[in-house]
PDB file of all heavy atoms in Angstrom:
ATOM      1  N   LYS A   1      12.320 -58.955  54.700  1.00  0.00           N
ATOM      2  CA  LYS A   1      13.412 -58.104  54.234  1.00  0.00           C
ATOM      3  C   LYS A   1      12.829 -56.759  53.835  1.00  0.00           C
ATOM      4  O   LYS A   1      11.629 -56.655  53.530  1.00  0.00           O
ATOM      5  CB  LYS A   1      14.123 -58.767  53.041  1.00  0.00           C
ATOM      6  CG  LYS A   1      15.490 -58.201  52.733  1.00  0.00           C
ATOM      7  CD  LYS A   1      16.205 -59.047  51.689  1.00  0.00           C
ATOM      8  CE  LYS A   1      17.620 -58.535  51.464  1.00  0.00           C
ATOM      9  NZ  LYS A   1      18.349 -59.387  50.487  1.00  0.00           N
ATOM     10  N   ASP A   2      13.655 -55.712  53.836  1.00  0.00           N
ATOM     11  CA  ASP A   2      13.157 -54.375  53.514  1.00  0.00           C
ATOM     12  C   ASP A   2      12.516 -54.335  52.131  1.00  0.00           C
ATOM     13  O   ASP A   2      11.495 -53.676  51.928  1.00  0.00           O
ATOM     14  CB  ASP A   2      14.296 -53.357  53.580  1.00  0.00           C
ATOM     15  CG  ASP A   2      14.789 -53.131  55.006  1.00  0.00           C
ATOM     16  OD1 ASP A   2      14.036 -53.469  55.945  1.00  0.00           O
ATOM     17  OD2 ASP A   2      15.925 -52.639  55.170  1.00  0.00           O
ATOM     18  N   GLN A   3      13.121 -55.036  51.163  1.00  0.00           N
ATOM     19  CA  GLN A   3      12.612 -54.988  49.790  1.00  0.00           C
ATOM     20  C   GLN A   3      11.296 -55.742  49.621  1.00  0.00           C
ATOM     21  O   GLN A   3      10.442 -55.343  48.823  1.00  0.00           O
ATOM     22  CB  GLN A   3      13.646 -55.562  48.817  1.00  0.00           C
ATOM     23  CG  GLN A   3      14.898 -54.724  48.684  1.00  0.00           C
ATOM     24  CD  GLN A   3      15.931 -55.092  49.743  1.00  0.00           C
ATOM     25  OE1 GLN A   3      15.606 -55.676  50.765  1.00  0.00           O
ATOM     26  NE2 GLN A   3      17.178 -54.729  49.481  1.00  0.00           N
ATOM     27  N   ALA A   4      11.133 -56.845  50.368  1.00  0.00           N
ATOM     28  CA  ALA A   4       9.922 -57.656  50.224  1.00  0.00           C
ATOM     29  C   ALA A   4       9.864 -58.706  51.318  1.00  0.00           C
ATOM     30  O   ALA A   4      10.894 -59.120  51.859  1.00  0.00           O
ATOM     31  CB  ALA A   4       9.888 -58.326  48.846  1.00  0.00           C
ATOM     32  N   ASN A   5       8.655 -59.128  51.631  1.00  0.00           N
ATOM     33  CA  ASN A   5       8.431 -60.268  52.512  1.00  0.00           C
ATOM     34  C   ASN A   5       7.939 -61.445  51.677  1.00  0.00           C
ATOM     35  O   ASN A   5       7.219 -61.262  50.691  1.00  0.00           O
ATOM     36  CB  ASN A   5       7.391 -59.932  53.581  1.00  0.00           C
ATOM     37  CG  ASN A   5       7.838 -58.796  54.480  1.00  0.00           C
ATOM     38  OD1 ASN A   5       9.032 -58.588  54.708  1.00  0.00           O
ATOM     39  ND2 ASN A   5       6.877 -58.039  54.988  1.00  0.00           N
ATOM     40  N   VAL A   6       8.318 -62.645  52.081  1.00  0.00           N
ATOM     41  CA  VAL A   6       7.941 -63.850  51.342  1.00  0.00           C
ATOM     42  C   VAL A   6       7.336 -64.862  52.318  1.00  0.00           C
ATOM     43  O   VAL A   6       7.942 -65.169  53.350  1.00  0.00           O
ATOM     44  CB  VAL A   6       9.151 -64.473  50.624  1.00  0.00           C
ATOM     45  CG1 VAL A   6       8.727 -65.736  49.871  1.00  0.00           C
ATOM     46  CG2 VAL A   6       9.790 -63.477  49.665  1.00  0.00           C
ATOM     47  N   TYR A   7       6.157 -65.365  51.977  1.00  0.00           N
ATOM     48  CA  TYR A   7       5.491 -66.378  52.788  1.00  0.00           C
ATOM     49  C   TYR A   7       5.206 -67.609  51.921  1.00  0.00           C
ATOM     50  O   TYR A   7       4.917 -67.480  50.726  1.00  0.00           O
ATOM     51  CB  TYR A   7       4.164 -65.842  53.344  1.00  0.00           C
ATOM     52  CG  TYR A   7       4.299 -64.604  54.187  1.00  0.00           C
ATOM     53  CD1 TYR A   7       4.243 -63.334  53.604  1.00  0.00           C
ATOM     54  CD2 TYR A   7       4.473 -64.692  55.561  1.00  0.00           C
ATOM     55  CE1 TYR A   7       4.364 -62.190  54.376  1.00  0.00           C
ATOM     56  CE2 TYR A   7       4.597 -63.547  56.341  1.00  0.00           C
ATOM     57  CZ  TYR A   7       4.541 -62.302  55.739  1.00  0.00           C
ATOM     58  OH  TYR A   7       4.668 -61.163  56.505  1.00  0.00           O
ATOM     59  N   THR A   8       5.283 -68.783  52.529  1.00  0.00           N
ATOM     60  CA  THR A   8       4.956 -70.014  51.818  1.00  0.00           C
ATOM     61  C   THR A   8       3.871 -70.771  52.572  1.00  0.00           C
ATOM     62  O   THR A   8       3.857 -70.802  53.807  1.00  0.00           O
ATOM     63  CB  THR A   8       6.190 -70.920  51.656  1.00  0.00           C
ATOM     64  OG1 THR A   8       6.657 -71.337  52.948  1.00  0.00           O
ATOM     65  CG2 THR A   8       7.317 -70.180  50.937  1.00  0.00           C
ATOM     66  N   PHE A   9       2.953 -71.368  51.810  1.00  0.00           N
ATOM     67  CA  PHE A   9       1.874 -72.185  52.356  1.00  0.00           C
ATOM     68  C   PHE A   9       1.830 -73.464  51.526  1.00  0.00           C
ATOM     69  O   PHE A   9       1.410 -73.435  50.358  1.00  0.00           O
ATOM     70  CB  PHE A   9       0.538 -71.450  52.281  1.00  0.00           C
ATOM     71  CG  PHE A   9       0.563 -70.062  52.874  1.00  0.00           C
ATOM     72  CD1 PHE A   9       0.916 -68.968  52.085  1.00  0.00           C
ATOM     73  CD2 PHE A   9       0.251 -69.851  54.207  1.00  0.00           C
ATOM     74  CE1 PHE A   9       0.942 -67.687  52.617  1.00  0.00           C
ATOM     75  CE2 PHE A   9       0.279 -68.573  54.748  1.00  0.00           C
ATOM     76  CZ  PHE A   9       0.633 -67.489  53.957  1.00  0.00           C
ATOM     77  N   MET A  10       2.270 -74.579  52.097  1.00  0.00           N
ATOM     78  CA  MET A  10       2.440 -75.813  51.335  1.00  0.00           C
ATOM     79  C   MET A  10       1.824 -77.003  52.068  1.00  0.00           C
ATOM     80  O   MET A  10       1.707 -77.005  53.306  1.00  0.00           O
ATOM     81  CB  MET A  10       3.931 -76.093  51.102  1.00  0.00           C
ATOM     82  CG  MET A  10       4.690 -74.989  50.400  1.00  0.00           C
ATOM     83  SD  MET A  10       4.401 -75.020  48.625  1.00  0.00           S
ATOM     84  CE  MET A  10       5.446 -73.645  48.103  1.00  0.00           C
ATOM     85  N   ALA A  11       1.472 -78.032  51.308  1.00  0.00           N
ATOM     86  CA  ALA A  11       0.980 -79.282  51.885  1.00  0.00           C
ATOM     87  C   ALA A  11       1.347 -80.433  50.962  1.00  0.00           C
ATOM     88  O   ALA A  11       1.423 -80.261  49.733  1.00  0.00           O
ATOM     89  CB  ALA A  11      -0.527 -79.237  52.097  1.00  0.00           C
ATOM     90  N   GLY A  12       1.573 -81.614  51.554  1.00  0.00           N
ATOM     91  CA  GLY A  12       1.912 -82.768  50.747  1.00  0.00           C
ATOM     92  C   GLY A  12       2.453 -83.904  51.590  1.00  0.00           C
ATOM     93  O   GLY A  12       2.528 -83.806  52.823  1.00  0.00           O
ATOM     94  N   PRO A  13       2.844 -84.996  50.946  1.00  0.00           N
ATOM     95  CA  PRO A  13       3.294 -86.181  51.683  1.00  0.00           C
ATOM     96  C   PRO A  13       4.715 -86.031  52.220  1.00  0.00           C
ATOM     97  O   PRO A  13       5.563 -85.367  51.619  1.00  0.00           O
ATOM     98  CB  PRO A  13       3.233 -87.293  50.628  1.00  0.00           C
ATOM     99  CG  PRO A  13       3.448 -86.565  49.337  1.00  0.00           C
ATOM    100  CD  PRO A  13       2.779 -85.234  49.491  1.00  0.00           C
ATOM    101  N   GLN A  14       4.950 -86.670  53.349  1.00  0.00           N
ATOM    102  CA  GLN A  14       6.288 -86.770  53.929  1.00  0.00           C
ATOM    103  C   GLN A  14       6.586 -88.245  54.209  1.00  0.00           C
ATOM    104  O   GLN A  14       5.750 -88.960  54.748  1.00  0.00           O
ATOM    105  CB  GLN A  14       6.376 -85.986  55.234  1.00  0.00           C
ATOM    106  CG  GLN A  14       7.769 -86.036  55.882  1.00  0.00           C
ATOM    107  CD  GLN A  14       7.795 -85.417  57.263  1.00  0.00           C
ATOM    108  OE1 GLN A  14       7.660 -86.102  58.273  1.00  0.00           O
ATOM    109  NE2 GLN A  14       7.959 -84.086  57.315  1.00  0.00           N
ATOM    110  N   VAL A  15       7.765 -88.673  53.817  1.00  0.00           N
ATOM    111  CA  VAL A  15       8.228 -90.036  54.081  1.00  0.00           C
ATOM    112  C   VAL A  15       9.363 -89.960  55.093  1.00  0.00           C
ATOM    113  O   VAL A  15      10.355 -89.253  54.859  1.00  0.00           O
ATOM    114  CB  VAL A  15       8.703 -90.727  52.793  1.00  0.00           C
ATOM    115  CG1 VAL A  15       9.251 -92.119  53.103  1.00  0.00           C
ATOM    116  CG2 VAL A  15       7.563 -90.822  51.789  1.00  0.00           C
ATOM    117  N   LYS A  16       9.210 -90.659  56.223  1.00  0.00           N
ATOM    118  CA  LYS A  16      10.228 -90.623  57.282  1.00  0.00           C
ATOM    119  C   LYS A  16      10.765 -92.026  57.530  1.00  0.00           C
ATOM    120  O   LYS A  16      10.011 -92.993  57.609  1.00  0.00           O
ATOM    121  CB  LYS A  16       9.640 -90.035  58.567  1.00  0.00           C
ATOM    122  CG  LYS A  16      10.630 -89.977  59.726  1.00  0.00           C
ATOM    123  CD  LYS A  16      10.103 -89.141  60.888  1.00  0.00           C
ATOM    124  CE  LYS A  16      10.195 -87.653  60.605  1.00  0.00           C
ATOM    125  NZ  LYS A  16       9.886 -86.829  61.810  1.00  0.00           N
ATOM    126  N   PHE A  17      12.076 -92.116  57.642  1.00  0.00           N
ATOM    127  CA  PHE A  17      12.750 -93.390  57.860  1.00  0.00           C
ATOM    128  C   PHE A  17      13.138 -93.481  59.340  1.00  0.00           C
ATOM    129  O   PHE A  17      14.191 -92.990  59.749  1.00  0.00           O
ATOM    130  CB  PHE A  17      13.984 -93.494  56.960  1.00  0.00           C
ATOM    131  CG  PHE A  17      13.669 -93.255  55.505  1.00  0.00           C
ATOM    132  CD1 PHE A  17      13.802 -91.986  54.947  1.00  0.00           C
ATOM    133  CD2 PHE A  17      13.206 -94.290  54.712  1.00  0.00           C
ATOM    134  CE1 PHE A  17      13.505 -91.762  53.612  1.00  0.00           C
ATOM    135  CE2 PHE A  17      12.899 -94.074  53.373  1.00  0.00           C
ATOM    136  CZ  PHE A  17      13.044 -92.809  52.829  1.00  0.00           C
ATOM    137  N   ARG A  18      12.284 -94.113  60.122  1.00  0.00           N
ATOM    138  CA  ARG A  18      12.465 -94.183  61.574  1.00  0.00           C
ATOM    139  C   ARG A  18      13.404 -95.347  61.895  1.00  0.00           C
ATOM    140  O   ARG A  18      12.968 -96.469  62.168  1.00  0.00           O
ATOM    141  CB  ARG A  18      11.112 -94.342  62.260  1.00  0.00           C
ATOM    142  CG  ARG A  18      10.172 -93.182  61.929  1.00  0.00           C
ATOM    143  CD  ARG A  18       8.826 -93.342  62.624  1.00  0.00           C
ATOM    144  NE  ARG A  18       7.885 -92.348  62.136  1.00  0.00           N
ATOM    145  CZ  ARG A  18       7.788 -91.105  62.585  1.00  0.00           C
ATOM    146  NH1 ARG A  18       8.553 -90.697  63.563  1.00  0.00           N
ATOM    147  NH2 ARG A  18       6.894 -90.261  62.074  1.00  0.00           N
ATOM    148  N   THR A  19      14.685 -95.055  61.856  1.00  0.00           N
ATOM    149  CA  THR A  19      15.709 -96.094  62.023  1.00  0.00           C
ATOM    150  C   THR A  19      16.199 -96.233  63.452  1.00  0.00           C
ATOM    151  O   THR A  19      17.076 -97.035  63.725  1.00  0.00           O
ATOM    152  CB  THR A  19      16.908 -95.786  61.113  1.00  0.00           C
ATOM    153  OG1 THR A  19      17.438 -94.487  61.455  1.00  0.00           O
ATOM    154  CG2 THR A  19      16.489 -95.763  59.648  1.00  0.00           C
ATOM    155  N   GLY A  20      15.655 -95.461  64.369  1.00  0.00           N
ATOM    156  CA  GLY A  20      16.121 -95.479  65.746  1.00  0.00           C
ATOM    157  C   GLY A  20      16.122 -94.070  66.294  1.00  0.00           C
ATOM    158  O   GLY A  20      15.144 -93.339  66.183  1.00  0.00           O
ATOM    159  N   ARG A  21      17.242 -93.649  66.853  1.00  0.00           N
ATOM    160  CA  ARG A  21      17.327 -92.301  67.424  1.00  0.00           C
ATOM    161  C   ARG A  21      17.315 -91.227  66.344  1.00  0.00           C
ATOM    162  O   ARG A  21      16.807 -90.127  66.557  1.00  0.00           O
ATOM    163  CB  ARG A  21      18.612 -92.192  68.262  1.00  0.00           C
ATOM    164  CG  ARG A  21      18.705 -90.904  69.061  1.00  0.00           C
ATOM    165  CD  ARG A  21      20.048 -90.817  69.775  1.00  0.00           C
ATOM    166  NE  ARG A  21      20.192 -91.891  70.739  1.00  0.00           N
ATOM    167  CZ  ARG A  21      19.833 -91.799  72.005  1.00  0.00           C
ATOM    168  NH1 ARG A  21      19.280 -90.686  72.454  1.00  0.00           N
ATOM    169  NH2 ARG A  21      20.019 -92.791  72.832  1.00  0.00           N
ATOM    170  N   ILE A  22      17.860 -91.508  65.164  1.00  0.00           N
ATOM    171  CA  ILE A  22      17.930 -90.542  64.062  1.00  0.00           C
ATOM    172  C   ILE A  22      16.934 -90.940  62.988  1.00  0.00           C
ATOM    173  O   ILE A  22      16.914 -92.084  62.537  1.00  0.00           O
ATOM    174  CB  ILE A  22      19.350 -90.460  63.489  1.00  0.00           C
ATOM    175  CG1 ILE A  22      20.330 -89.997  64.572  1.00  0.00           C
ATOM    176  CG2 ILE A  22      19.396 -89.509  62.296  1.00  0.00           C
ATOM    177  CD1 ILE A  22      21.768 -89.957  64.119  1.00  0.00           C
ATOM    178  N   SER A  23      16.090 -89.989  62.566  1.00  0.00           N
ATOM    179  CA  SER A  23      15.040 -90.269  61.580  1.00  0.00           C
ATOM    180  C   SER A  23      15.137 -89.279  60.420  1.00  0.00           C
ATOM    181  O   SER A  23      14.624 -88.157  60.506  1.00  0.00           O
ATOM    182  CB  SER A  23      13.659 -90.173  62.232  1.00  0.00           C
ATOM    183  OG  SER A  23      13.514 -91.111  63.277  1.00  0.00           O
ATOM    184  N   PRO A  24      15.774 -89.671  59.315  1.00  0.00           N
ATOM    185  CA  PRO A  24      15.773 -88.808  58.120  1.00  0.00           C
ATOM    186  C   PRO A  24      14.377 -88.791  57.493  1.00  0.00           C
ATOM    187  O   PRO A  24      13.587 -89.727  57.649  1.00  0.00           O
ATOM    188  CB  PRO A  24      16.788 -89.489  57.188  1.00  0.00           C
ATOM    189  CG  PRO A  24      17.513 -90.489  58.039  1.00  0.00           C
ATOM    190  CD  PRO A  24      16.567 -90.883  59.123  1.00  0.00           C
ATOM    191  N   PHE A  25      14.075 -87.722  56.752  1.00  0.00           N
ATOM    192  CA  PHE A  25      12.786 -87.656  56.071  1.00  0.00           C
ATOM    193  C   PHE A  25      12.910 -86.904  54.757  1.00  0.00           C
ATOM    194  O   PHE A  25      13.822 -86.083  54.553  1.00  0.00           O
ATOM    195  CB  PHE A  25      11.718 -87.002  56.955  1.00  0.00           C
ATOM    196  CG  PHE A  25      11.967 -85.549  57.257  1.00  0.00           C
ATOM    197  CD1 PHE A  25      11.489 -84.542  56.426  1.00  0.00           C
ATOM    198  CD2 PHE A  25      12.681 -85.179  58.389  1.00  0.00           C
ATOM    199  CE1 PHE A  25      11.719 -83.202  56.717  1.00  0.00           C
ATOM    200  CE2 PHE A  25      12.911 -83.850  58.691  1.00  0.00           C
ATOM    201  CZ  PHE A  25      12.436 -82.856  57.848  1.00  0.00           C
ATOM    202  N   LEU A  26      11.995 -87.208  53.847  1.00  0.00           N
ATOM    203  CA  LEU A  26      11.880 -86.536  52.554  1.00  0.00           C
ATOM    204  C   LEU A  26      10.442 -86.070  52.388  1.00  0.00           C
ATOM    205  O   LEU A  26       9.511 -86.688  52.908  1.00  0.00           O
ATOM    206  CB  LEU A  26      12.250 -87.482  51.406  1.00  0.00           C
ATOM    207  CG  LEU A  26      13.676 -88.052  51.405  1.00  0.00           C
ATOM    208  CD1 LEU A  26      13.803 -89.115  50.323  1.00  0.00           C
ATOM    209  CD2 LEU A  26      14.695 -86.949  51.202  1.00  0.00           C
ATOM    210  N   GLU A  27      10.248 -84.971  51.635  1.00  0.00           N
ATOM    211  CA  GLU A  27       8.907 -84.466  51.420  1.00  0.00           C
ATOM    212  C   GLU A  27       8.804 -83.780  50.071  1.00  0.00           C
ATOM    213  O   GLU A  27       9.795 -83.274  49.543  1.00  0.00           O
ATOM    214  CB  GLU A  27       8.502 -83.493  52.535  1.00  0.00           C
ATOM    215  CG  GLU A  27       9.401 -82.279  52.664  1.00  0.00           C
ATOM    216  CD  GLU A  27       9.038 -81.407  53.863  1.00  0.00           C
ATOM    217  OE1 GLU A  27       8.317 -81.896  54.757  1.00  0.00           O
ATOM    218  OE2 GLU A  27       9.470 -80.244  53.904  1.00  0.00           O
ATOM    219  N   ALA A  28       7.593 -83.786  49.517  1.00  0.00           N
ATOM    220  CA  ALA A  28       7.291 -83.083  48.270  1.00  0.00           C
ATOM    221  C   ALA A  28       5.948 -82.398  48.460  1.00  0.00           C
ATOM    222  O   ALA A  28       4.918 -83.066  48.650  1.00  0.00           O
ATOM    223  CB  ALA A  28       7.250 -84.053  47.093  1.00  0.00           C
ATOM    224  N   LEU A  29       5.946 -81.055  48.441  1.00  0.00           N
ATOM    225  CA  LEU A  29       4.764 -80.275  48.798  1.00  0.00           C
ATOM    226  C   LEU A  29       4.374 -79.321  47.674  1.00  0.00           C
ATOM    227  O   LEU A  29       5.208 -78.926  46.848  1.00  0.00           O
ATOM    228  CB  LEU A  29       5.025 -79.473  50.080  1.00  0.00           C
ATOM    229  CG  LEU A  29       5.666 -80.211  51.265  1.00  0.00           C
ATOM    230  CD1 LEU A  29       5.879 -79.244  52.417  1.00  0.00           C
ATOM    231  CD2 LEU A  29       4.822 -81.389  51.701  1.00  0.00           C
ATOM    232  N   GLY A  30       3.121 -78.957  47.663  1.00  0.00           N
ATOM    233  CA  GLY A  30       2.633 -77.964  46.725  1.00  0.00           C
ATOM    234  C   GLY A  30       1.707 -76.991  47.422  1.00  0.00           C
ATOM    235  O   GLY A  30       1.117 -77.314  48.458  1.00  0.00           O
ATOM    236  N   GLY A  31       1.576 -75.787  46.857  1.00  0.00           N
ATOM    237  CA  GLY A  31       0.711 -74.803  47.492  1.00  0.00           C
ATOM    238  C   GLY A  31       0.863 -73.424  46.874  1.00  0.00           C
ATOM    239  O   GLY A  31       0.873 -73.277  45.655  1.00  0.00           O
ATOM    240  N   GLU A  32       1.018 -72.428  47.741  1.00  0.00           N
ATOM    241  CA  GLU A  32       1.096 -71.036  47.310  1.00  0.00           C
ATOM    242  C   GLU A  32       2.310 -70.337  47.912  1.00  0.00           C
ATOM    243  O   GLU A  32       2.723 -70.647  49.030  1.00  0.00           O
ATOM    244  CB  GLU A  32      -0.167 -70.277  47.741  1.00  0.00           C
ATOM    245  CG  GLU A  32      -1.452 -70.748  47.075  1.00  0.00           C
ATOM    246  CD  GLU A  32      -1.613 -70.206  45.672  1.00  0.00           C
ATOM    247  OE1 GLU A  32      -0.936 -69.196  45.347  1.00  0.00           O
ATOM    248  OE2 GLU A  32      -2.418 -70.776  44.909  1.00  0.00           O
ATOM    249  N   VAL A  33       2.857 -69.399  47.148  1.00  0.00           N
ATOM    250  CA  VAL A  33       3.905 -68.501  47.627  1.00  0.00           C
ATOM    251  C   VAL A  33       3.371 -67.077  47.542  1.00  0.00           C
ATOM    252  O   VAL A  33       2.847 -66.657  46.502  1.00  0.00           O
ATOM    253  CB  VAL A  33       5.196 -68.633  46.793  1.00  0.00           C
ATOM    254  CG1 VAL A  33       6.248 -67.636  47.269  1.00  0.00           C
ATOM    255  CG2 VAL A  33       5.741 -70.053  46.876  1.00  0.00           C
ATOM    256  N   TYR A  34       3.475 -66.348  48.642  1.00  0.00           N
ATOM    257  CA  TYR A  34       2.975 -64.978  48.709  1.00  0.00           C
ATOM    258  C   TYR A  34       4.163 -64.035  48.792  1.00  0.00           C
ATOM    259  O   TYR A  34       4.911 -64.045  49.767  1.00  0.00           O
ATOM    260  CB  TYR A  34       2.082 -64.826  49.940  1.00  0.00           C
ATOM    261  CG  TYR A  34       1.506 -63.441  50.141  1.00  0.00           C
ATOM    262  CD1 TYR A  34       0.653 -62.878  49.195  1.00  0.00           C
ATOM    263  CD2 TYR A  34       1.807 -62.710  51.288  1.00  0.00           C
ATOM    264  CE1 TYR A  34       0.100 -61.628  49.402  1.00  0.00           C
ATOM    265  CE2 TYR A  34       1.267 -61.457  51.495  1.00  0.00           C
ATOM    266  CZ  TYR A  34       0.409 -60.915  50.548  1.00  0.00           C
ATOM    267  OH  TYR A  34      -0.117 -59.671  50.746  1.00  0.00           O
ATOM    268  N   VAL A  35       4.366 -63.238  47.756  1.00  0.00           N
ATOM    269  CA  VAL A  35       5.471 -62.289  47.692  1.00  0.00           C
ATOM    270  C   VAL A  35       4.905 -60.886  47.856  1.00  0.00           C
ATOM    271  O   VAL A  35       4.024 -60.468  47.098  1.00  0.00           O
ATOM    272  CB  VAL A  35       6.234 -62.404  46.358  1.00  0.00           C
ATOM    273  CG1 VAL A  35       7.440 -61.469  46.348  1.00  0.00           C
ATOM    274  CG2 VAL A  35       6.669 -63.849  46.117  1.00  0.00           C
ATOM    275  N   ALA A  36       5.403 -60.173  48.869  1.00  0.00           N
ATOM    276  CA  ALA A  36       4.863 -58.849  49.187  1.00  0.00           C
ATOM    277  C   ALA A  36       5.965 -57.799  49.087  1.00  0.00           C
ATOM    278  O   ALA A  36       6.654 -57.500  50.074  1.00  0.00           O
ATOM    279  CB  ALA A  36       4.259 -58.846  50.588  1.00  0.00           C
ATOM    280  N   PRO A  37       6.197 -57.217  47.906  1.00  0.00           N
ATOM    281  CA  PRO A  37       7.193 -56.151  47.758  1.00  0.00           C
ATOM    282  C   PRO A  37       6.786 -54.898  48.514  1.00  0.00           C
ATOM    283  O   PRO A  37       5.617 -54.713  48.863  1.00  0.00           O
ATOM    284  CB  PRO A  37       7.224 -55.898  46.240  1.00  0.00           C
ATOM    285  CG  PRO A  37       6.579 -57.100  45.630  1.00  0.00           C
ATOM    286  CD  PRO A  37       5.570 -57.570  46.634  1.00  0.00           C
ATOM    287  N   ALA A  38       7.751 -54.032  48.735  1.00  0.00           N
ATOM    288  CA  ALA A  38       7.504 -52.844  49.546  1.00  0.00           C
ATOM    289  C   ALA A  38       6.673 -51.790  48.817  1.00  0.00           C
ATOM    290  O   ALA A  38       5.938 -51.034  49.450  1.00  0.00           O
ATOM    291  CB  ALA A  38       8.832 -52.237  49.997  1.00  0.00           C
ATOM    292  N   HIS A  39       6.771 -51.718  47.469  1.00  0.00           N
ATOM    293  CA  HIS A  39       6.196 -50.568  46.777  1.00  0.00           C
ATOM    294  C   HIS A  39       5.163 -50.926  45.713  1.00  0.00           C
ATOM    295  O   HIS A  39       4.638 -50.010  45.060  1.00  0.00           O
ATOM    296  CB  HIS A  39       7.318 -49.757  46.111  1.00  0.00           C
ATOM    297  CG  HIS A  39       8.392 -49.344  47.061  1.00  0.00           C
ATOM    298  ND1 HIS A  39       8.170 -48.488  48.117  1.00  0.00           N
ATOM    299  CD2 HIS A  39       9.709 -49.694  47.137  1.00  0.00           C
ATOM    300  CE1 HIS A  39       9.295 -48.309  48.790  1.00  0.00           C
ATOM    301  NE2 HIS A  39      10.241 -49.038  48.216  1.00  0.00           N
ATOM    302  N   ILE A  40       4.845 -52.198  45.511  1.00  0.00           N
ATOM    303  CA  ILE A  40       3.829 -52.563  44.533  1.00  0.00           C
ATOM    304  C   ILE A  40       2.906 -53.605  45.157  1.00  0.00           C
ATOM    305  O   ILE A  40       3.118 -54.041  46.285  1.00  0.00           O
ATOM    306  CB  ILE A  40       4.443 -53.107  43.229  1.00  0.00           C
ATOM    307  CG1 ILE A  40       5.177 -54.425  43.505  1.00  0.00           C
ATOM    308  CG2 ILE A  40       5.384 -52.105  42.606  1.00  0.00           C
ATOM    309  CD1 ILE A  40       5.655 -55.099  42.222  1.00  0.00           C
ATOM    310  N   ASP A  41       1.874 -53.985  44.388  1.00  0.00           N
ATOM    311  CA  ASP A  41       0.902 -54.928  44.911  1.00  0.00           C
ATOM    312  C   ASP A  41       1.536 -56.284  45.205  1.00  0.00           C
ATOM    313  O   ASP A  41       2.453 -56.735  44.508  1.00  0.00           O
ATOM    314  CB  ASP A  41      -0.241 -55.120  43.910  1.00  0.00           C
ATOM    315  CG  ASP A  41      -1.083 -53.861  43.755  1.00  0.00           C
ATOM    316  OD1 ASP A  41      -1.050 -53.019  44.672  1.00  0.00           O
ATOM    317  OD2 ASP A  41      -1.753 -53.716  42.711  1.00  0.00           O
ATOM    318  N   SER A  42       1.006 -56.931  46.230  1.00  0.00           N
ATOM    319  CA  SER A  42       1.472 -58.264  46.579  1.00  0.00           C
ATOM    320  C   SER A  42       1.001 -59.275  45.539  1.00  0.00           C
ATOM    321  O   SER A  42       0.081 -59.015  44.753  1.00  0.00           O
ATOM    322  CB  SER A  42       0.950 -58.664  47.959  1.00  0.00           C
ATOM    323  OG  SER A  42       1.359 -57.722  48.924  1.00  0.00           O
ATOM    324  N   GLN A  43       1.632 -60.446  45.549  1.00  0.00           N
ATOM    325  CA  GLN A  43       1.348 -61.432  44.523  1.00  0.00           C
ATOM    326  C   GLN A  43       1.295 -62.836  45.116  1.00  0.00           C
ATOM    327  O   GLN A  43       2.233 -63.293  45.763  1.00  0.00           O
ATOM    328  CB  GLN A  43       2.426 -61.362  43.425  1.00  0.00           C
ATOM    329  CG  GLN A  43       2.178 -62.285  42.253  1.00  0.00           C
ATOM    330  CD  GLN A  43       3.256 -62.141  41.186  1.00  0.00           C
ATOM    331  OE1 GLN A  43       4.372 -61.736  41.479  1.00  0.00           O
ATOM    332  NE2 GLN A  43       2.909 -62.465  39.954  1.00  0.00           N
ATOM    333  N   PHE A  44       0.154 -63.517  44.897  1.00  0.00           N
ATOM    334  CA  PHE A  44       0.027 -64.935  45.217  1.00  0.00           C
ATOM    335  C   PHE A  44       0.339 -65.727  43.956  1.00  0.00           C
ATOM    336  O   PHE A  44      -0.233 -65.456  42.894  1.00  0.00           O
ATOM    337  CB  PHE A  44      -1.396 -65.272  45.673  1.00  0.00           C
ATOM    338  CG  PHE A  44      -1.591 -65.233  47.159  1.00  0.00           C
ATOM    339  CD1 PHE A  44      -2.310 -64.211  47.746  1.00  0.00           C
ATOM    340  CD2 PHE A  44      -1.053 -66.218  47.968  1.00  0.00           C
ATOM    341  CE1 PHE A  44      -2.507 -64.171  49.118  1.00  0.00           C
ATOM    342  CE2 PHE A  44      -1.249 -66.188  49.350  1.00  0.00           C
ATOM    343  CZ  PHE A  44      -1.966 -65.167  49.919  1.00  0.00           C
TER     344      PHE A  44
END
């Protein structure tokens, strides 16, 4: 976006319910978010 760019870097477990043709999944991840505003220093 013009005001800022946002990036995410995450890792963690995923649980998938393979019931046939349709497979729902849940996940919980942790990591870093990188916010890069247009006019000030970026922030991890």
